[in-house]
C-alpha atoms as a PDB file:
ATOM      1  CA  MET A   1     144.679 150.718 106.952  1.00  0.00           C
ATOM      2  CA  SER A   2     141.098 151.650 105.997  1.00  0.00           C
ATOM      3  CA  ASN A   3     139.430 149.878 102.677  1.00  0.00           C
ATOM      4  CA  MET A   4     139.218 153.143 101.299  1.00  0.00           C
ATOM      5  CA  LEU A   5     142.942 154.013 101.913  1.00  0.00           C
ATOM      6  CA  ARG A   6     143.812 150.609 100.479  1.00  0.00           C
ATOM      7  CA  ILE A   7     141.830 151.414  97.187  1.00  0.00           C
ATOM      8  CA  ILE A   8     143.485 154.493  96.392  1.00  0.00           C
ATOM      9  CA  ILE A   9     146.924 152.752  96.940  1.00  0.00           C
ATOM     10  CA  PHE A  10     145.755 150.547  94.544  1.00  0.00           C
ATOM     11  CA  ALA A  11     144.691 153.057  92.025  1.00  0.00           C
ATOM     12  CA  ALA A  12     147.437 155.126  92.373  1.00  0.00           C
ATOM     13  CA  SER A  13     150.250 151.928  92.363  1.00  0.00           C
ATOM     14  CA  ILE A  14     148.305 150.834  88.614  1.00  0.00           C
ATOM     15  CA  ALA A  15     148.676 154.488  87.308  1.00  0.00           C
ATOM     16  CA  LEU A  16     152.422 154.420  88.039  1.00  0.00           C
ATOM     17  CA  LEU A  17     152.811 150.814  86.408  1.00  0.00           C
ATOM     18  CA  ALA A  18     150.845 152.085  83.303  1.00  0.00           C
ATOM     19  CA  ALA A  19     153.301 155.092  83.034  1.00  0.00           C
ATOM     20  CA  VAL A  20     156.055 153.327  83.322  1.00  0.00           C
ATOM     21  CA  PRO A  21     157.625 151.799  79.922  1.00  0.00           C
ATOM     22  CA  GLY A  22     157.074 148.376  79.715  1.00  0.00           C
ATOM     23  CA  THR A  23     154.726 148.092  82.262  1.00  0.00           C
ATOM     24  CA  ALA A  24     151.554 147.766  80.295  1.00  0.00           C
ATOM     25  CA  MET A  25     148.602 145.257  81.181  1.00  0.00           C
ATOM     26  CA  PRO A  26     149.069 141.982  79.693  1.00  0.00           C
ATOM     27  CA  ALA A  27     147.148 142.041  76.240  1.00  0.00           C
ATOM     28  CA  ALA A  28     146.375 139.666  73.016  1.00  0.00           C
ATOM     29  CA  ALA A  29     149.907 138.457  72.069  1.00  0.00           C
ATOM     30  CA  ASP A  30     151.020 140.108  68.433  1.00  0.00           C
ATOM     31  CA  ALA A  31     152.410 137.676  65.595  1.00  0.00           C
ATOM     32  CA  GLY A  32     155.438 135.975  66.824  1.00  0.00           C
ATOM     33  CA  GLU A  33     155.263 137.130  70.119  1.00  0.00           C
ATOM     34  CA  THR A  34     155.631 134.574  73.224  1.00  0.00           C
ATOM     35  CA  ALA A  35     152.474 134.272  75.153  1.00  0.00           C
ATOM     36  CA  ILE A  36     152.217 132.021  78.084  1.00  0.00           C
ATOM     37  CA  GLY A  37     148.525 131.570  79.623  1.00  0.00           C
ATOM     38  CA  ASP A  38     146.862 135.561  79.416  1.00  0.00           C
ATOM     39  CA  VAL A  39     150.693 137.182  79.608  1.00  0.00           C
ATOM     40  CA  SER A  40     152.551 138.164  76.747  1.00  0.00           C
ATOM     41  CA  ASP A  41     154.338 141.291  78.162  1.00  0.00           C
ATOM     42  CA  PRO A  42     156.991 140.376  81.080  1.00  0.00           C
ATOM     43  CA  GLY A  43     156.790 144.032  82.204  1.00  0.00           C
ATOM     44  CA  ILE A  44     159.482 145.709  84.209  1.00  0.00           C
ATOM     45  CA  LEU A  45     162.481 143.729  83.825  1.00  0.00           C
ATOM     46  CA  PRO A  46     164.443 142.831  87.059  1.00  0.00           C
ATOM     47  CA  ASP A  47     167.543 144.906  85.846  1.00  0.00           C
ATOM     48  CA  SER A  48     165.309 148.343  85.835  1.00  0.00           C
ATOM     49  CA  GLY A  49     165.450 151.162  88.522  1.00  0.00           C
ATOM     50  CA  PHE A  50     161.709 150.530  88.402  1.00  0.00           C
ATOM     51  CA  TYR A  51     161.556 147.056  89.148  1.00  0.00           C
ATOM     52  CA  PHE A  52     160.296 148.039  92.871  1.00  0.00           C
ATOM     53  CA  MET A  53     157.220 149.442  91.814  1.00  0.00           C
ATOM     54  CA  LYS A  54     156.443 145.823  90.198  1.00  0.00           C
ATOM     55  CA  SER A  55     156.877 144.419  93.025  1.00  0.00           C
ATOM     56  CA  TRP A  56     154.708 146.693  94.898  1.00  0.00           C
ATOM     57  CA  GLY A  57     152.036 146.313  92.765  1.00  0.00           C
ATOM     58  CA  ARG A  58     152.233 142.527  92.676  1.00  0.00           C
ATOM     59  CA  ASN A  59     151.971 142.648  96.948  1.00  0.00           C
ATOM     60  CA  LEU A  60     148.801 145.118  96.359  1.00  0.00           C
ATOM     61  CA  GLN A  61     147.042 143.024  94.115  1.00  0.00           C
ATOM     62  CA  LEU A  62     147.822 139.652  96.456  1.00  0.00           C
ATOM     63  CA  MET A  63     146.611 141.800  99.560  1.00  0.00           C
ATOM     64  CA  PHE A  64     143.059 142.722  97.757  1.00  0.00           C
ATOM     65  CA  ALA A  65     142.677 139.345  96.263  1.00  0.00           C
ATOM     66  CA  GLY A  66     139.188 138.290  97.057  1.00  0.00           C
ATOM     67  CA  SER A  67     140.045 134.466  97.761  1.00  0.00           C
ATOM     68  CA  ASP A  68     142.851 131.567  98.117  1.00  0.00           C
ATOM     69  CA  THR A  69     141.949 130.853  94.389  1.00  0.00           C
ATOM     70  CA  GLU A  70     142.102 134.374  92.847  1.00  0.00           C
ATOM     71  CA  LYS A  71     145.608 134.846  94.898  1.00  0.00           C
ATOM     72  CA  ALA A  72     147.060 131.699  93.507  1.00  0.00           C
ATOM     73  CA  SER A  73     146.266 132.196  89.783  1.00  0.00           C
ATOM     74  CA  LEU A  74     147.867 136.086  90.353  1.00  0.00           C
ATOM     75  CA  MET A  75     150.775 134.129  91.646  1.00  0.00           C
ATOM     76  CA  LEU A  76     150.584 131.686  88.399  1.00  0.00           C
ATOM     77  CA  LYS A  77     150.532 134.929  86.546  1.00  0.00           C
ATOM     78  CA  TYR A  78     153.865 136.474  88.240  1.00  0.00           C
ATOM     79  CA  ALA A  79     155.362 132.802  87.495  1.00  0.00           C
ATOM     80  CA  ASN A  80     154.777 133.093  83.659  1.00  0.00           C
ATOM     81  CA  GLU A  81     155.782 137.156  83.843  1.00  0.00           C
ATOM     82  CA  ASP A  82     158.989 136.010  85.090  1.00  0.00           C
ATOM     83  CA  ALA A  83     159.537 133.301  82.423  1.00  0.00           C
ATOM     84  CA  LEU A  84     159.065 135.906  79.888  1.00  0.00           C
ATOM     85  CA  ALA A  85     161.335 138.292  82.089  1.00  0.00           C
ATOM     86  CA  LEU A  86     163.993 135.526  81.819  1.00  0.00           C
ATOM     87  CA  GLN A  87     163.475 134.896  78.212  1.00  0.00           C
ATOM     88  CA  LYS A  88     163.634 139.046  77.538  1.00  0.00           C
ATOM     89  CA  MET A  89     167.218 139.310  79.379  1.00  0.00           C
ATOM     90  CA  TYR A  90     168.925 136.493  77.445  1.00  0.00           C
ATOM     91  CA  GLN A  91     167.672 137.662  74.192  1.00  0.00           C
ATOM     92  CA  LEU A  92     169.167 141.201  75.173  1.00  0.00           C
ATOM     93  CA  GLY A  93     172.354 139.273  75.958  1.00  0.00           C
ATOM     94  CA  LYS A  94     172.027 140.340  79.921  1.00  0.00           C
ATOM     95  CA  TYR A  95     173.141 136.361  81.011  1.00  0.00           C
ATOM     96  CA  ALA A  96     174.550 137.670  84.527  1.00  0.00           C
ATOM     97  CA  GLU A  97     170.960 139.134  85.348  1.00  0.00           C
ATOM     98  CA  GLY A  98     169.137 136.508  84.201  1.00  0.00           C
ATOM     99  CA  ASN A  99     171.170 133.676  85.925  1.00  0.00           C
ATOM    100  CA  ASN A 100     170.680 135.997  89.329  1.00  0.00           C
ATOM    101  CA  TYR A 101     167.121 136.105  88.516  1.00  0.00           C
ATOM    102  CA  ALA A 102     166.218 132.591  87.589  1.00  0.00           C
ATOM    103  CA  GLU A 103     166.922 131.580  91.275  1.00  0.00           C
ATOM    104  CA  GLN A 104     163.694 134.110  92.307  1.00  0.00           C
ATOM    105  CA  TYR A 105     161.244 132.633  89.019  1.00  0.00           C
ATOM    106  CA  ALA A 106     161.898 129.043  90.718  1.00  0.00           C
ATOM    107  CA  LEU A 107     161.055 130.612  94.567  1.00  0.00           C
ATOM    108  CA  GLN A 108     157.684 132.558  92.380  1.00  0.00           C
ATOM    109  CA  VAL A 109     156.820 128.736  91.110  1.00  0.00           C
ATOM    110  CA  GLN A 110     157.207 127.396  94.657  1.00  0.00           C
ATOM    111  CA  ASN A 111     154.895 129.966  96.393  1.00  0.00           C
ATOM    112  CA  THR A 112     152.299 129.580  93.660  1.00  0.00           C
ATOM    113  CA  VAL A 113     152.304 125.687  94.223  1.00  0.00           C
ATOM    114  CA  GLN A 114     152.469 126.219  98.218  1.00  0.00           C
ATOM    115  CA  ALA A 115     149.279 128.600  97.250  1.00  0.00           C
ATOM    116  CA  MET A 116     147.277 126.126  95.449  1.00  0.00           C
ATOM    117  CA  GLU A 117     148.423 123.568  98.064  1.00  0.00           C
ATOM    118  CA  GLN A 118     146.773 125.880 100.461  1.00  0.00           C
ATOM    119  CA  VAL A 119     143.456 125.978  98.573  1.00  0.00           C
ATOM    120  CA  ARG A 120     143.566 122.263  98.135  1.00  0.00           C
ATOM    121  CA  ALA A 121     143.675 121.468 102.166  1.00  0.00           C
ATOM    122  CA  ARG A 122     140.927 123.803 102.816  1.00  0.00           C
ATOM    123  CA  GLN A 123     138.192 122.828  99.872  1.00  0.00           C
ATOM    124  CA  GLY A 124     139.353 119.403  98.648  1.00  0.00           C
ATOM    125  CA  LEU A 125     140.738 118.041  95.413  1.00  0.00           C
ATOM    126  CA  SER A 126     137.546 119.243  93.539  1.00  0.00           C
ATOM    127  CA  GLY A 127     138.511 122.937  94.707  1.00  0.00           C
ATOM    128  CA  ALA A 128     141.982 122.586  93.416  1.00  0.00           C
ATOM    129  CA  GLU A 129     141.477 120.955  90.512  1.00  0.00           C
ATOM    130  CA  GLY A 130     141.017 123.894  87.778  1.00  0.00           C
ATOM    131  CA  LEU A 131     144.028 125.393  89.968  1.00  0.00           C
ATOM    132  CA  VAL A 132     146.341 122.577  89.031  1.00  0.00           C
ATOM    133  CA  ASN A 133     145.203 122.053  85.411  1.00  0.00           C
ATOM    134  CA  SER A 134     146.323 125.905  84.858  1.00  0.00           C
ATOM    135  CA  LEU A 135     149.423 125.349  86.658  1.00  0.00           C
ATOM    136  CA  GLU A 136     150.535 121.958  84.749  1.00  0.00           C
ATOM    137  CA  GLN A 137     149.435 123.388  81.239  1.00  0.00           C
ATOM    138  CA  ASN A 138     151.320 127.334  82.231  1.00  0.00           C
ATOM    139  CA  TYR A 139     154.328 125.355  83.368  1.00  0.00           C
ATOM    140  CA  LEU A 140     154.594 123.334  80.237  1.00  0.00           C
ATOM    141  CA  LYS A 141     154.371 126.710  78.330  1.00  0.00           C
ATOM    142  CA  GLN A 142     157.195 128.092  81.099  1.00  0.00           C
ATOM    143  CA  GLN A 143     159.678 125.416  80.497  1.00  0.00           C
ATOM    144  CA  GLU A 144     159.019 125.207  77.008  1.00  0.00           C
ATOM    145  CA  VAL A 145     160.150 128.591  76.817  1.00  0.00           C
ATOM    146  CA  LEU A 146     163.373 128.390  79.349  1.00  0.00           C
ATOM    147  CA  LEU A 147     164.510 125.312  77.383  1.00  0.00           C
ATOM    148  CA  LEU A 148     164.541 127.309  74.280  1.00  0.00           C
ATOM    149  CA  VAL A 149     166.544 129.949  76.200  1.00  0.00           C
ATOM    150  CA  VAL A 150     169.145 127.311  77.379  1.00  0.00           C
ATOM    151  CA  GLU A 151     169.944 125.581  74.404  1.00  0.00           C
ATOM    152  CA  LYS A 152     170.618 129.036  72.519  1.00  0.00           C
ATOM    153  CA  ALA A 153     172.444 130.345  75.875  1.00  0.00           C
ATOM    154  CA  PRO A 154     176.570 130.354  76.064  1.00  0.00           C
ATOM    155  CA  GLU A 155     177.510 127.342  78.426  1.00  0.00           C
ATOM    156  CA  THR A 156     178.721 129.707  81.107  1.00  0.00           C
ATOM    157  CA  ALA A 157     175.247 131.218  81.402  1.00  0.00           C
ATOM    158  CA  GLN A 158     172.994 127.725  81.227  1.00  0.00           C
ATOM    159  CA  ASN A 159     173.567 126.451  84.780  1.00  0.00           C
ATOM    160  CA  GLY A 160     171.282 129.123  86.215  1.00  0.00           C
ATOM    161  CA  LEU A 161     168.533 128.376  84.463  1.00  0.00           C
ATOM    162  CA  LEU A 162     169.133 124.870  84.764  1.00  0.00           C
ATOM    163  CA  ASN A 163     168.781 124.934  88.470  1.00  0.00           C
ATOM    164  CA  ALA A 164     165.794 127.224  88.176  1.00  0.00           C
ATOM    165  CA  ILE A 165     163.817 123.975  85.795  1.00  0.00           C
ATOM    166  CA  GLU A 166     164.874 121.516  88.528  1.00  0.00           C
ATOM    167  CA  ASN A 167     164.086 123.523  91.193  1.00  0.00           C
ATOM    168  CA  SER A 168     160.349 124.687  89.798  1.00  0.00           C
ATOM    169  CA  ASN A 169     159.835 121.108  88.138  1.00  0.00           C
ATOM    170  CA  LYS A 170     159.990 119.283  91.209  1.00  0.00           C
ATOM    171  CA  HIS A 171     157.344 121.280  92.954  1.00  0.00           C
ATOM    172  CA  VAL A 172     154.898 121.485  89.834  1.00  0.00           C
ATOM    173  CA  GLU A 173     155.741 116.785  89.851  1.00  0.00           C
ATOM    174  CA  ALA A 174     154.814 117.572  93.284  1.00  0.00           C
ATOM    175  CA  MET A 175     151.513 119.309  93.116  1.00  0.00           C
ATOM    176  CA  ILE A 176     150.127 117.058  90.109  1.00  0.00           C
ATOM    177  CA  LEU A 177     150.846 113.674  91.907  1.00  0.00           C
ATOM    178  CA  ALA A 178     149.279 114.371  95.206  1.00  0.00           C
ATOM    179  CA  GLN A 179     146.497 116.058  93.052  1.00  0.00           C
ATOM    180  CA  ASP A 180     145.867 113.406  90.002  1.00  0.00           C
ATOM    181  CA  GLY A 181     148.060 110.754  90.962  1.00  0.00           C
ATOM    182  CA  GLU A 182     151.041 108.786  89.679  1.00  0.00           C
ATOM    183  CA  ALA A 183     149.031 108.184  85.651  1.00  0.00           C
ATOM    184  CA  ALA A 184     148.835 112.276  85.251  1.00  0.00           C
ATOM    185  CA  LEU A 185     152.365 112.397  86.454  1.00  0.00           C
ATOM    186  CA  LEU A 186     153.564 109.851  83.903  1.00  0.00           C
ATOM    187  CA  GLN A 187     151.280 111.736  81.384  1.00  0.00           C
ATOM    188  CA  TYR A 188     153.067 115.193  82.151  1.00  0.00           C
ATOM    189  CA  GLN A 189     156.504 113.982  81.716  1.00  0.00           C
ATOM    190  CA  GLU A 190     155.949 112.843  78.290  1.00  0.00           C
ATOM    191  CA  GLN A 191     155.108 115.940  77.612  1.00  0.00           C
ATOM    192  CA  VAL A 192     158.032 117.398  79.065  1.00  0.00           C
ATOM    193  CA  ASN A 193     159.894 114.134  77.037  1.00  0.00           C
ATOM    194  CA  GLN A 194     158.349 115.659  73.728  1.00  0.00           C
ATOM    195  CA  GLN A 195     159.908 119.153  74.693  1.00  0.00           C
ATOM    196  CA  THR A 196     163.398 117.929  75.025  1.00  0.00           C
ATOM    197  CA  SER A 197     163.023 115.530  72.033  1.00  0.00           C
ATOM    198  CA  ASN A 198     164.407 118.173  69.338  1.00  0.00           C
ATOM    199  CA  MET A 199     167.470 119.609  71.583  1.00  0.00           C
ATOM    200  CA  GLY A 200     170.981 118.915  71.052  1.00  0.00           C
ATOM    201  CA  GLN A 201     172.198 115.664  72.560  1.00  0.00           C
ATOM    202  CA  ASP A 202     174.689 117.475  75.391  1.00  0.00           C
ATOM    203  CA  ILE A 203     171.884 119.769  76.681  1.00  0.00           C
ATOM    204  CA  LYS A 204     169.511 117.307  76.311  1.00  0.00           C
ATOM    205  CA  ILE A 205     171.381 115.067  78.528  1.00  0.00           C
ATOM    206  CA  GLN A 206     172.021 117.912  81.148  1.00  0.00           C
ATOM    207  CA  VAL A 207     168.347 118.547  81.167  1.00  0.00           C
ATOM    208  CA  GLN A 208     167.411 115.035  81.483  1.00  0.00           C
ATOM    209  CA  GLN A 209     169.432 114.537  84.502  1.00  0.00           C
ATOM    210  CA  ARG A 210     167.929 117.679  86.253  1.00  0.00           C
ATOM    211  CA  LEU A 211     164.671 116.606  85.369  1.00  0.00           C
ATOM    212  CA  GLN A 212     165.641 113.091  86.661  1.00  0.00           C
ATOM    213  CA  ALA A 213     166.960 114.745  89.918  1.00  0.00           C
ATOM    214  CA  SER A 214     163.662 116.608  90.500  1.00  0.00           C
ATOM    215  CA  HIS A 215     161.409 113.916  89.802  1.00  0.00           C
ATOM    216  CA  SER A 216     162.499 112.006  92.647  1.00  0.00           C
ATOM    217  CA  GLN A 217     162.607 115.024  95.143  1.00  0.00           C
ATOM    218  CA  ALA A 218     159.266 114.983  94.282  1.00  0.00           C
ATOM    219  CA  VAL A 219     157.935 111.539  94.917  1.00  0.00           C
ATOM    220  CA  GLN A 220     160.093 111.657  98.198  1.00  0.00           C
ATOM    221  CA  SER A 221     158.126 114.753  99.429  1.00  0.00           C
ATOM    222  CA  SER A 222     154.337 113.580  98.317  1.00  0.00           C
ATOM    223  CA  GLY A 223     155.212 110.326  99.734  1.00  0.00           C
ATOM    224  CA  GLY A 224     154.265 108.688  96.136  1.00  0.00           C
ATOM    225  CA  SER A 225     154.823 105.859  94.808  1.00  0.00           C
ATOM    226  CA  SER A 226     158.762 105.351  93.632  1.00  0.00           C
ATOM    227  CA  SER A 227     157.630 103.145  90.787  1.00  0.00           C
ATOM    228  CA  GLY A 228     158.135 106.075  88.307  1.00  0.00           C
ATOM    229  CA  GLN A 229     161.458 106.473  88.410  1.00  0.00           C
ATOM    230  CA  GLY A 230     161.906 109.777  86.572  1.00  0.00           C
ATOM    231  CA  VAL A 231     161.740 111.623  83.133  1.00  0.00           C
ATOM    232  CA  MET A 232     163.027 109.368  80.800  1.00  0.00           C
ATOM    233  CA  THR A 233     163.403 109.298  76.933  1.00  0.00           C
ATOM    234  CA  GLN A 234     161.225 106.955  74.905  1.00  0.00           C
ATOM    235  CA  GLY A 235     164.522 104.878  74.290  1.00  0.00           C
ATOM    236  CA  GLN A 236     165.149 104.625  78.498  1.00  0.00           C
ATOM    237  CA  THR A 237     161.770 103.561  79.124  1.00  0.00           C
ATOM    238  CA  LEU A 238     161.908 100.815  75.991  1.00  0.00           C
ATOM    239  CA  THR A 239     165.726  99.635  77.601  1.00  0.00           C
ATOM    240  CA  GLN A 240     163.528  99.468  80.841  1.00  0.00           C
ATOM    241  CA  THR A 241     160.625  97.154  79.367  1.00  0.00           C
ATOM    242  CA  GLN A 242     163.318  95.105  77.959  1.00  0.00           C
ATOM    243  CA  THR A 243     164.717  94.570  81.038  1.00  0.00           C
ATOM    244  CA  GLN A 244     161.589  93.695  82.841  1.00  0.00           C
ATOM    245  CA  THR A 245     160.910  91.303  80.563  1.00  0.00           C
ATOM    246  CA  GLN A 246     164.410  89.663  80.706  1.00  0.00           C
ATOM    247  CA  THR A 247     163.952  89.609  83.999  1.00  0.00           C
ATOM    248  CA  GLN A 248     160.456  87.910  84.007  1.00  0.00           C
ATOM    249  CA  THR A 249     161.448  85.577  81.647  1.00  0.00           C
ATOM    250  CA  GLN A 250     164.821  84.661  83.840  1.00  0.00           C
ATOM    251  CA  THR A 251     162.276  84.203  87.021  1.00  0.00           C
ATOM    252  CA  GLN A 252     160.212  81.636  84.828  1.00  0.00           C
ATOM    253  CA  ALA A 253     163.141  79.727  83.881  1.00  0.00           C
ATOM    254  CA  GLN A 254     164.582  79.557  87.386  1.00  0.00           C
ATOM    255  CA  GLY A 255     160.987  78.407  88.326  1.00  0.00           C
ATOM    256  CA  GLN A 256     160.990  75.676  85.860  1.00  0.00           C
ATOM    257  CA  ILE A 257     164.397  74.599  87.099  1.00  0.00           C
ATOM    258  CA  GLN A 258     163.496  74.872  90.435  1.00  0.00           C
ATOM    259  CA  ALA A 259     160.555  72.499  89.748  1.00  0.00           C
ATOM    260  CA  GLN A 260     162.115  70.232  87.583  1.00  0.00           C
ATOM    261  CA  THR A 261     165.036  69.789  90.348  1.00  0.00           C
ATOM    262  CA  GLN A 262     161.877  69.311  92.911  1.00  0.00           C
ATOM    263  CA  THR A 263     160.443  66.476  90.505  1.00  0.00           C
ATOM    264  CA  GLN A 264     163.812  65.017  90.464  1.00  0.00           C
ATOM    265  CA  THR A 265     164.450  65.071  94.357  1.00  0.00           C
ATOM    266  CA  GLN A 266     160.994  63.345  94.647  1.00  0.00           C
ATOM    267  CA  ALA A 267     162.052  60.570  92.429  1.00  0.00           C
ATOM    268  CA  GLN A 268     165.212  59.868  94.312  1.00  0.00           C
ATOM    269  CA  VAL A 269     163.702  60.083  97.686  1.00  0.00           C
ATOM    270  CA  GLN A 270     161.102  57.344  96.319  1.00  0.00           C
ATOM    271  CA  THR A 271     163.995  55.306  94.991  1.00  0.00           C
ATOM    272  CA  GLN A 272     165.578  55.393  98.088  1.00  0.00           C
ATOM    273  CA  THR A 273     162.609  54.588 100.293  1.00  0.00           C
ATOM    274  CA  GLN A 274     161.962  51.781  97.587  1.00  0.00           C
ATOM    275  CA  ALA A 275     166.029  50.418  98.147  1.00  0.00           C
ATOM    276  CA  GLN A 276     165.739  50.476 102.071  1.00  0.00           C
ATOM    277  CA  THR A 277     162.418  48.621 101.895  1.00  0.00           C
ATOM    278  CA  SER A 278     163.683  46.416  99.502  1.00  0.00           C
ATOM    279  CA  VAL A 279     166.936  45.526 101.892  1.00  0.00           C
ATOM    280  CA  GLN A 280     164.932  45.566 104.995  1.00  0.00           C
ATOM    281  CA  THR A 281     162.669  43.297 103.738  1.00  0.00           C
ATOM    282  CA  GLY A 282     165.446  40.941 102.763  1.00  0.00           C
ATOM    283  CA  GLN A 283     167.079  41.551 106.005  1.00  0.00           C
ATOM    284  CA  GLN A 284     164.058  40.690 108.362  1.00  0.00           C
ATOM    285  CA  PRO A 285     164.104  36.726 107.486  1.00  0.00           C
ATOM    286  CA  VAL A 286     167.864  36.503 108.075  1.00  0.00           C
ATOM    287  CA  GLN A 287     167.416  38.266 111.673  1.00  0.00           C
ATOM    288  CA  SER A 288     164.408  35.976 112.616  1.00  0.00           C
ATOM    289  CA  GLN A 289     166.589  32.682 112.051  1.00  0.00           C
ATOM    290  CA  GLY A 290     169.222  34.156 113.978  1.00  0.00           C
ATOM    291  CA  ALA A 291     166.891  35.304 116.541  1.00  0.00           C
ATOM    292  CA  GLY A 292     165.399  31.308 116.301  1.00  0.00           C
ATOM    293  CA  GLN A 293     168.769  29.971 116.842  1.00  0.00           C
ATOM    294  CA  SER A 294     169.715  31.838 119.665  1.00  0.00           C
ATOM    295  CA  GLY A 295     166.563  30.763 121.262  1.00  0.00           C
ATOM    296  CA  ASN A 296     167.282  27.081 120.695  1.00  0.00           C
ATOM    297  CA  GLY A 297     170.595  27.771 121.885  1.00  0.00           C
ATOM    298  CA  PRO A 298     169.712  28.274 125.326  1.00  0.00           C
ATOM    299  CA  GLY A 299     166.812  25.574 124.865  1.00  0.00           C
ATOM    300  CA  SER A 300     169.617  23.279 124.088  1.00  0.00           C
ATOM    301  CA  GLY A 301     171.634  23.888 126.661  1.00  0.00           C
ATOM    302  CA  GLY A 302     168.944  23.250 129.179  1.00  0.00           C
ATOM    303  CA  GLN A 303     167.987  20.494 128.219  1.00  0.00           C
ATOM    304  CA  GLY A 304     171.772  19.178 128.384  1.00  0.00           C
ATOM    305  CA  ALA A 305     171.559  20.240 131.840  1.00  0.00           C
ATOM    306  CA  GLY A 306     168.585  18.352 132.336  1.00  0.00           C
ATOM    307  CA  ASN A 307     170.533  15.460 131.205  1.00  0.00           C
ATOM    308  CA  GLN A 308     173.013  15.685 133.630  1.00  0.00           C
ATOM    309  CA  GLN A 309     170.764  15.848 136.360  1.00  0.00           C
ATOM    310  CA  HIS A 310     168.641  12.886 135.482  1.00  0.00           C
ATOM    311  CA  GLY A 311     172.340  11.085 135.267  1.00  0.00           C
ATOM    312  CA  ARG A 312     172.916  11.500 138.342  1.00  0.00           C
END
């Protein structure tokens, strides 16, 4: 396919997308309108009969992307659109459709992370730094939007979104850990904690359990340190700190007890040594006298024998 033909097809697809209601190009967010990054309009919703046109337009844009960096940026934009599409469907009461599409959203986030990993592999940490920063900030906003949706959705419609949050979060965390290290990952988790702090207790526990599982998977997939044990609430962090402090105190106490035991053992050894020395010192004269008497005995016997011979 020639470049000219590709340009014509791309232009035609953009014109078709613009002609369909709900597919206008992203613009500045209106007052009270949710925006993620540069995206404020989700475009065609997945349950629309025209959604195939949106998928076609995305593929064309990726085909004409001038670099891996541009491709990764486009994929992040599509993930933002998908998060807003999920929000819109749940607001319209389309829970079944939203639950089904949640898996597609998680897959889009995964593909975005993989595209950024490719940039990092080719251009190094510095080449992917801006992309990973954008990923973190945009995904935090995506997660904020989805957490609000989960909290307001009926219980039967929550599972799909919870799965999507867990599956997408593990890929984002793995990317942050690989790019910026554990300190950056812990900072990201703290921001997630703030997002969940105002949620109801029941849904909050469910979300934190999902995030805990995704964190463990992210650490394993990245081969990172396991010292961070997941996304924790401030109370959990405090409990862990108290436990560590108690453990250290117990260890110190055990060390002191062992030192005292060793000192006592050394004192006992010294006492035993002194006692043995005293006993040995007291026995030596007795043994010497006994030996002398024994020596004299044969000598006396010898003298007696000599006298008997002399008498003869």
